[in-house]
Protein backbone atom coordinates (compact mmCIF):
# COMPACT_ATOMS: atom_id res chain seq x y z
CA MET A 1 91.91 101.73 120.17
CA SER A 2 95.21 100.35 118.45
CA GLU A 3 98.65 100.61 119.94
CA SER A 4 101.49 101.42 118.14
CA ASN A 5 104.99 101.58 119.90
CA GLY A 6 103.54 101.76 123.12
CA MET A 7 101.16 105.27 122.02
CA VAL A 8 97.59 104.79 121.74
CA THR A 9 95.94 105.69 118.57
CA ALA A 10 92.81 107.13 118.37
CA TYR A 11 90.31 104.88 115.98
CA ARG A 12 89.74 105.24 112.93
CA GLY A 13 87.12 103.26 110.54
CA ARG A 14 85.63 103.20 107.47
CA PHE A 15 82.76 102.11 105.19
CA ALA A 16 83.24 102.06 101.07
CA PRO A 17 80.45 101.24 99.18
CA SER A 18 80.38 101.17 95.64
CA PRO A 19 77.71 102.87 93.66
CA THR A 20 76.43 99.88 91.44
CA GLY A 21 72.87 100.20 93.20
CA PRO A 22 71.08 100.97 96.32
CA LEU A 23 72.02 99.31 99.48
CA HIS A 24 70.95 95.53 100.10
CA PHE A 25 70.75 93.84 103.77
CA GLY A 26 74.56 92.72 102.91
CA SER A 27 75.86 96.32 102.69
CA LEU A 28 73.60 97.30 105.88
CA VAL A 29 75.21 94.70 107.76
CA ALA A 30 78.62 96.44 106.34
CA ALA A 31 77.99 99.62 107.59
CA VAL A 32 76.15 98.47 111.43
CA GLY A 33 79.12 96.46 111.75
CA SER A 34 82.16 99.10 110.70
CA TYR A 35 79.83 101.60 112.07
CA LEU A 36 78.89 100.47 116.06
CA ASP A 37 82.86 99.17 116.42
CA ALA A 38 83.95 102.93 115.82
CA ARG A 39 81.70 104.60 117.64
CA ASN A 40 81.84 101.88 120.19
CA HIS A 41 85.36 103.04 120.56
CA ARG A 42 84.62 106.83 120.78
CA GLY A 43 86.74 106.95 117.22
CA ALA A 44 86.25 108.45 114.03
CA TRP A 45 83.83 106.43 110.66
CA LEU A 46 84.78 107.83 107.58
CA LEU A 47 82.75 107.43 104.37
CA ARG A 48 84.43 106.56 100.69
CA MET A 49 82.48 105.76 98.27
CA GLU A 50 84.55 103.24 96.11
CA ASP A 51 83.91 104.56 91.95
CA LEU A 52 87.03 103.61 90.91
CA ASP A 53 85.48 101.44 88.07
CA ARG A 54 83.14 104.26 86.35
CA THR A 55 82.06 101.44 83.74
CA ARG A 56 80.02 99.89 86.67
CA GLU A 57 78.54 102.99 88.42
CA ILE A 58 75.07 103.94 87.91
CA LYS A 59 73.86 107.33 87.84
CA GLY A 60 72.60 108.61 90.86
CA ALA A 61 73.71 105.47 92.99
CA ALA A 62 76.39 107.25 95.55
CA ASP A 63 73.68 109.88 96.30
CA GLN A 64 71.06 107.27 96.61
CA ILE A 65 73.65 105.23 98.99
CA LEU A 66 74.34 108.66 101.52
CA GLN A 67 70.38 109.42 101.71
CA THR A 68 69.82 105.84 102.54
CA LEU A 69 72.72 105.98 104.94
CA ASP A 70 71.13 109.22 106.76
CA ASP A 71 67.45 108.31 107.05
CA PHE A 72 69.19 105.05 109.11
CA GLY A 73 70.82 107.76 111.34
CA PHE A 74 74.21 106.87 110.59
CA THR A 75 76.70 110.03 111.04
CA TRP A 76 80.13 110.01 109.27
CA ASP A 77 83.24 112.38 109.93
CA GLY A 78 84.51 114.86 107.43
CA PRO A 79 83.68 114.94 103.77
CA VAL A 80 82.74 111.95 101.48
CA MET A 81 86.01 110.79 99.54
CA TYR A 82 85.41 109.41 95.94
CA GLN A 83 88.29 107.47 94.43
CA SER A 84 87.65 109.09 90.80
CA GLN A 85 89.23 112.05 92.30
CA ARG A 86 92.48 109.79 93.41
CA THR A 87 93.90 109.04 90.46
CA GLU A 88 96.95 110.87 90.66
CA ALA A 89 97.51 109.47 94.46
CA TYR A 90 97.14 105.65 92.59
CA GLU A 91 99.60 106.83 89.84
CA ALA A 92 102.26 108.02 92.07
CA ALA A 93 102.44 104.10 94.12
CA LEU A 94 102.33 102.39 90.62
CA GLU A 95 105.29 104.31 89.63
CA SER A 96 107.09 103.55 92.43
CA LEU A 97 106.57 99.90 92.24
CA ILE A 98 107.29 100.43 88.48
CA GLN A 99 110.74 102.23 89.59
CA LYS A 100 111.54 99.42 92.15
CA GLY A 101 111.19 96.68 89.83
CA LEU A 102 108.12 95.16 91.56
CA ALA A 103 105.42 96.07 88.77
CA TYR A 104 105.73 95.53 85.51
CA ARG A 105 103.50 95.37 82.05
CA CYS A 106 101.28 92.16 80.98
CA GLY A 107 99.92 92.05 77.66
CA CYS A 108 98.09 89.01 78.44
CA SER A 109 94.37 88.39 77.48
CA ARG A 110 92.33 86.51 79.71
CA LYS A 111 91.51 83.99 77.38
CA GLU A 112 95.46 83.44 76.86
CA ILE A 113 95.88 83.09 80.68
CA ALA A 114 92.97 80.97 81.01
CA GLN A 115 94.35 78.17 78.06
CA ILE A 116 97.82 77.88 80.02
CA ALA A 117 96.75 78.64 84.03
CA GLN A 118 96.37 76.11 86.51
CA MET A 119 93.33 77.04 88.32
CA GLY A 120 93.08 78.22 92.15
CA GLU A 121 90.35 79.19 94.49
CA GLU A 122 89.91 82.89 92.96
CA GLY A 123 90.82 82.14 89.66
CA PRO A 124 93.18 81.47 86.97
CA ILE A 125 97.32 81.66 88.56
CA TYR A 126 98.59 84.07 86.31
CA PRO A 127 102.20 82.14 85.13
CA GLY A 128 104.31 84.66 84.57
CA THR A 129 104.04 84.90 80.68
CA CYS A 130 104.89 88.82 81.09
CA ARG A 131 107.81 88.80 83.35
CA ASN A 132 110.12 88.88 80.46
CA GLY A 133 109.47 91.68 78.93
CA GLN A 134 106.48 90.50 76.22
CA ALA A 135 103.95 92.84 77.08
CA LYS A 136 106.50 95.46 74.66
CA THR A 137 105.42 93.98 71.76
CA ARG A 138 101.36 94.49 72.62
CA ASP A 139 99.71 97.82 71.78
CA SER A 140 97.43 96.78 75.07
CA HIS A 141 98.60 96.24 78.55
CA SER A 142 97.98 95.97 81.91
CA ILE A 143 100.18 96.26 85.01
CA ARG A 144 101.15 93.38 87.29
CA LEU A 145 102.42 93.42 90.81
CA LEU A 146 105.84 90.77 91.35
CA THR A 147 104.89 88.24 93.82
CA GLN A 148 106.84 85.78 95.90
CA HIS A 149 106.72 82.29 96.69
CA LYS A 150 106.64 83.48 100.29
CA GLU A 151 103.48 82.81 103.15
CA ILE A 152 101.45 86.28 104.04
CA ILE A 153 99.82 85.66 107.39
CA CYS A 154 97.38 88.27 108.25
CA THR A 155 95.56 88.61 112.00
CA ASP A 156 91.57 89.04 111.56
CA GLN A 157 89.95 89.93 114.67
CA VAL A 158 86.47 87.47 113.84
CA GLN A 159 87.71 85.04 111.18
CA GLY A 160 91.32 84.45 112.88
CA ASN A 161 94.51 84.36 110.78
CA ILE A 162 94.11 84.79 106.96
CA CYS A 163 97.48 82.71 105.16
CA LEU A 164 97.78 83.09 101.13
CA ASN A 165 100.93 82.38 99.15
CA PRO A 166 100.42 85.09 96.43
CA GLY A 167 103.26 83.71 94.18
CA LYS A 168 101.99 79.95 94.41
CA GLU A 169 97.88 80.43 94.73
CA LEU A 170 97.60 84.24 92.69
CA GLY A 171 100.22 84.92 90.41
CA ASP A 172 101.43 88.69 89.59
CA PHE A 173 97.95 89.94 90.22
CA ILE A 174 97.09 93.28 88.26
CA ILE A 175 97.25 96.71 89.73
CA ARG A 176 96.44 98.74 86.40
CA ARG A 177 94.08 97.25 84.37
CA SER A 178 94.55 97.44 80.64
CA ASP A 179 91.47 100.13 80.10
CA GLY A 180 93.47 101.98 82.64
CA PHE A 181 91.59 101.73 85.76
CA HIS A 182 94.05 101.19 88.37
CA ALA A 183 92.85 98.35 90.09
CA TYR A 184 90.48 98.21 93.71
CA GLN A 185 93.88 96.11 95.92
CA LEU A 186 96.00 99.07 95.10
CA ALA A 187 93.40 101.86 95.47
CA VAL A 188 92.33 100.56 98.86
CA VAL A 189 95.78 100.49 100.60
CA VAL A 190 96.74 103.79 99.23
CA ASP A 191 93.19 105.04 100.37
CA ASP A 192 93.12 103.49 104.15
CA ALA A 193 97.00 105.14 104.68
CA TRP A 194 95.96 108.74 102.89
CA GLN A 195 92.99 108.88 105.03
CA GLY A 196 94.81 107.42 108.76
CA ILE A 197 92.14 104.05 108.85
CA ASN A 198 93.74 102.05 111.22
CA GLN A 199 90.91 99.82 111.78
CA VAL A 200 88.84 98.16 108.83
CA VAL A 201 85.91 96.35 109.17
CA ARG A 202 83.95 94.89 105.89
CA GLY A 203 82.60 91.87 104.66
CA ALA A 204 84.20 88.25 104.29
CA ASP A 205 83.87 88.55 100.08
CA LEU A 206 87.26 90.36 100.83
CA LEU A 207 88.70 88.43 103.90
CA MET A 208 91.25 87.36 101.16
CA SER A 209 91.46 90.28 99.39
CA THR A 210 93.61 90.99 102.68
CA PRO A 211 96.85 89.27 102.14
CA ARG A 212 97.27 90.98 99.09
CA GLN A 213 97.18 94.42 100.84
CA CYS A 214 98.89 93.47 103.56
CA TYR A 215 101.76 92.57 100.82
CA LEU A 216 101.24 96.29 98.85
CA GLN A 217 101.24 97.94 102.38
CA GLN A 218 104.81 96.06 102.77
CA LEU A 219 106.30 97.05 99.54
CA LEU A 220 104.77 100.71 99.23
CA ARG A 221 105.78 101.25 103.27
CA LEU A 222 102.50 101.75 104.65
CA PRO A 223 100.84 101.34 107.24
CA LYS A 224 98.62 98.33 108.26
CA PRO A 225 95.38 98.52 109.33
CA HIS A 226 93.65 95.81 112.42
CA TYR A 227 91.16 94.34 110.12
CA ALA A 228 87.54 92.39 111.28
CA HIS A 229 85.77 90.45 108.80
CA LEU A 230 81.77 89.99 109.39
CA PRO A 231 79.98 87.13 107.79
CA LEU A 232 78.51 87.35 104.75
CA ALA A 233 75.04 87.39 104.26
CA VAL A 234 73.78 85.05 101.63
CA ASP A 235 70.64 83.57 100.07
CA SER A 236 69.17 80.36 100.69
CA GLN A 237 71.32 78.90 97.87
CA GLY A 238 74.64 80.61 99.65
CA ARG A 239 75.03 83.19 96.61
CA LYS A 240 76.24 86.68 98.15
CA LEU A 241 73.13 89.25 98.27
CA SER A 242 74.50 91.51 95.94
CA LYS A 243 73.16 95.01 93.49
CA GLN A 244 74.46 92.77 90.58
CA TYR A 245 71.93 90.42 91.13
CA GLN A 246 69.07 93.18 92.08
CA ASP A 247 68.53 91.86 95.32
CA ALA A 248 65.75 93.73 97.41
CA PRO A 249 67.60 97.51 98.79
CA VAL A 250 66.43 98.35 102.43
CA ASP A 251 63.49 99.58 102.99
CA SER A 252 64.18 103.22 104.14
CA ARG A 253 60.57 103.68 105.93
CA GLN A 254 61.26 101.42 108.58
CA PRO A 255 64.95 101.80 109.31
CA ILE A 256 64.67 100.28 112.89
CA GLU A 257 63.59 96.93 111.86
CA SER A 258 65.90 96.54 109.47
CA LEU A 259 68.52 97.66 112.03
CA LEU A 260 67.09 95.31 114.42
CA GLN A 261 67.68 92.32 112.11
CA ALA A 262 71.43 93.68 111.40
CA LEU A 263 72.33 93.32 114.91
CA ALA A 264 70.87 90.09 114.96
CA PHE A 265 72.80 89.23 112.13
CA LEU A 266 75.84 89.68 113.81
CA GLY A 267 74.86 88.04 117.24
CA GLN A 268 74.22 91.41 118.95
CA PRO A 269 71.74 91.43 121.91
CA SER A 270 68.63 92.94 121.27
CA PRO A 271 67.21 95.85 123.41
CA ALA A 272 64.18 94.02 125.93
CA GLU A 273 62.09 96.69 124.07
CA LYS A 274 61.88 98.14 120.65
CA PRO A 275 63.40 101.81 120.19
CA VAL A 276 60.72 104.52 119.93
CA ASN A 277 63.44 106.11 117.38
CA LEU A 278 66.57 105.99 116.29
CA SER A 279 68.49 108.04 118.61
CA GLU A 280 67.69 105.48 121.21
CA PHE A 281 68.27 102.64 118.90
CA TRP A 282 72.06 103.68 117.97
CA ALA A 283 72.69 105.20 121.79
CA TRP A 284 71.61 101.48 122.90
CA ALA A 285 73.44 99.55 120.34
CA ILE A 286 76.85 101.67 120.83
CA GLU A 287 76.75 100.81 124.10
CA HIS A 288 76.40 96.77 124.35
CA TRP A 289 78.35 96.69 120.81
CA SER A 290 81.14 93.49 121.13
CA LEU A 291 83.22 92.47 118.39
CA ARG A 292 83.77 89.03 119.98
CA LYS A 293 79.81 88.21 119.94
CA ILE A 294 80.41 88.10 115.90
CA PRO A 295 79.88 84.44 114.58
CA ALA A 296 83.44 83.68 113.52
CA GLN A 297 81.57 82.21 109.87
CA ARG A 298 82.37 83.76 106.79
CA GLN A 299 78.67 83.24 105.72
CA ILE A 300 75.14 83.02 107.15
CA ALA A 301 71.95 82.59 104.95
CA VAL A 302 69.14 85.12 105.62
CA SER A 303 65.62 84.51 104.87
CA PRO A 304 63.89 85.92 102.28
CA ALA A 305 62.06 88.75 104.00
CA ASN A 306 66.01 90.50 104.69
CA GLN A 307 66.60 90.05 101.24
């Protein structure tokens, strides 16, 4: 439950995979964490398919992900939402920012930016080249959000406070790409508000995206959810387990074994005896779930067997 102006609001969480391949162990960890936190609070758990970038989507992956979640005993509330069907909502938010003078066209290429920009933790810091309207002379352009040199502090229930000065550490960031696709940062805040999401439990790979999203929520006057970022599953070299690198998908033939491994990864206790079925596993895991037991680490190495 969350509190707003003294009123208790029903918990609404979500899991939002991208259909770029089958679920692997890292994806399962995020699904388990978000699901258990929602069900432990007797809240809703929604599914959102983040198929915004159709150039990266693998045909059939969305259906495969849904089948895997079903095989592992997840149950979700309401229909699955697909970002590819939400373009008009993103465009409306974008136009609102442009009309308020908070976003502008940018004709700079990545190569041009790399040649003149300073490097930050998340790549080149955009120097504001097109703030003066230079993009009007270019055929192709992206849309950037005007940032400020002001620190944004977001509280995370696992990782603690997250601080970011977007103007200094990022520069004006893209909210619609030059190919016409709306950026993840814009889409996610629009969708969370539309679905009434007030609790976001997800992987720590998105930790530093949170201040950007909080900033967009302020500008668009959207509610800000509570956040909890789970440790990221990485291999022995510190590389995130990823569909991109074709890490092994979870085995739907042995769901309980994988689910128990995900519980242990998240610092949760395991039942004294192995559950005989998925219903027994979920009942036990929901009852014993605690966000406070999750290690306050951004990443944890897993054994090859879990990959």
